[in-house]
Amino acid sequence: MYISQEVKKDIFKNYGQSETDTGSAESQIALFTHRIKHLTGHLKKNKKDKGTQRALINLVGKRRRLLDYLKDNEINRYREIIKKLNLRK
């Protein structure tokens, strides 16, 4: 896969509580954001890759659902992750 173990650990360390914190909403949102940026760059070069386009749409939906969950339950964590990742809304 295009994401190495070191990159994942770095993402989890920066946005989660520790390197092994893979389940928190913040760490998952950060990982999805990294993958979305990678797939967006791929689609700019390969416009007709419909499989990747569908995967990108699914990832954006997953990230949106996690952000909505945080927004509904813990607004401070939501605001913090939005600020860290420079996401709008």
Protein backbone atom coordinates (compact mmCIF):
# COMPACT_ATOMS: atom_id res chain seq x y z
CA MET A 1 0.00 0.00 0.00
CA TYR A 2 1.11 3.58 -0.53
CA ILE A 3 1.09 4.40 3.20
CA SER A 4 4.05 2.93 5.07
CA GLN A 5 3.95 1.89 8.70
CA GLU A 6 6.17 4.82 9.68
CA VAL A 7 3.79 7.34 8.08
CA LYS A 8 0.81 5.76 9.85
CA LYS A 9 2.60 5.83 13.22
CA ASP A 10 3.50 9.46 12.65
CA ILE A 11 -0.13 10.34 11.84
CA PHE A 12 -1.41 8.46 14.89
CA LYS A 13 1.22 10.07 17.14
CA ASN A 14 0.42 13.60 15.94
CA TYR A 15 -3.37 13.37 15.96
CA GLY A 16 -4.17 10.56 18.42
CA GLN A 17 -3.11 9.99 21.99
CA SER A 18 -0.19 7.68 21.08
CA GLU A 19 1.40 5.77 18.19
CA THR A 20 -0.87 2.80 18.84
CA ASP A 21 -4.07 4.86 19.08
CA THR A 22 -5.70 3.74 15.84
CA GLY A 23 -9.30 3.81 16.97
CA SER A 24 -9.92 7.39 18.03
CA ALA A 25 -11.97 9.54 15.71
CA GLU A 26 -9.19 12.13 15.37
CA SER A 27 -6.59 9.61 14.24
CA GLN A 28 -8.99 8.03 11.75
CA ILE A 29 -9.96 11.42 10.34
CA ALA A 30 -6.28 12.33 9.93
CA LEU A 31 -5.56 9.03 8.17
CA PHE A 32 -8.56 9.48 5.85
CA THR A 33 -7.40 13.03 5.06
CA HIS A 34 -3.93 11.75 4.12
CA ARG A 35 -5.46 9.11 1.85
CA ILE A 36 -7.88 11.62 0.29
CA LYS A 37 -5.00 13.95 -0.60
CA HIS A 38 -3.10 11.06 -2.19
CA LEU A 39 -6.11 9.89 -4.24
CA THR A 40 -6.90 13.44 -5.34
CA GLY A 41 -3.40 13.80 -6.74
CA HIS A 42 -3.74 10.46 -8.53
CA LEU A 43 -7.06 11.47 -10.09
CA LYS A 44 -5.60 14.73 -11.40
CA LYS A 45 -3.21 12.65 -13.51
CA ASN A 46 -5.60 9.79 -14.34
CA LYS A 47 -8.98 11.37 -14.99
CA LYS A 48 -10.67 8.21 -16.28
CA ASP A 49 -9.84 6.01 -13.28
CA LYS A 50 -13.40 5.38 -12.11
CA GLY A 51 -12.46 2.84 -9.43
CA THR A 52 -10.23 5.34 -7.67
CA GLN A 53 -12.90 8.00 -8.05
CA ARG A 54 -15.44 5.78 -6.31
CA ALA A 55 -12.96 4.97 -3.52
CA LEU A 56 -12.32 8.68 -3.03
CA ILE A 57 -16.04 9.41 -2.73
CA ASN A 58 -16.39 6.62 -0.14
CA LEU A 59 -13.45 7.97 1.90
CA VAL A 60 -14.87 11.48 1.88
CA GLY A 61 -18.18 10.07 3.13
CA LYS A 62 -16.50 8.13 5.93
CA ARG A 63 -14.57 11.20 7.03
CA ARG A 64 -17.73 13.31 6.91
CA ARG A 65 -19.61 10.82 9.12
CA LEU A 66 -16.78 10.79 11.69
CA LEU A 67 -16.68 14.59 11.70
CA ASP A 68 -20.46 14.73 12.17
CA TYR A 69 -20.14 12.28 15.08
CA LEU A 70 -17.55 14.47 16.77
CA LYS A 71 -19.58 17.60 16.08
CA ASP A 72 -22.68 16.10 17.70
CA ASN A 73 -20.98 14.54 20.73
CA GLU A 74 -17.80 16.49 21.53
CA ILE A 75 -17.68 19.90 19.88
CA ASN A 76 -14.28 20.85 21.36
CA ARG A 77 -12.56 17.81 19.84
CA TYR A 78 -14.29 18.60 16.53
CA ARG A 79 -13.02 22.20 16.51
CA GLU A 80 -9.52 21.06 17.42
CA ILE A 81 -9.25 18.49 14.60
CA ILE A 82 -10.69 20.94 12.06
CA LYS A 83 -8.07 23.49 13.06
CA LYS A 84 -5.18 20.99 12.99
CA LEU A 85 -6.06 19.57 9.56
CA ASN A 86 -7.15 22.90 8.03
CA LEU A 87 -10.52 21.48 7.01
CA ARG A 88 -13.42 23.75 6.28
CA LYS A 89 -16.82 23.69 7.94
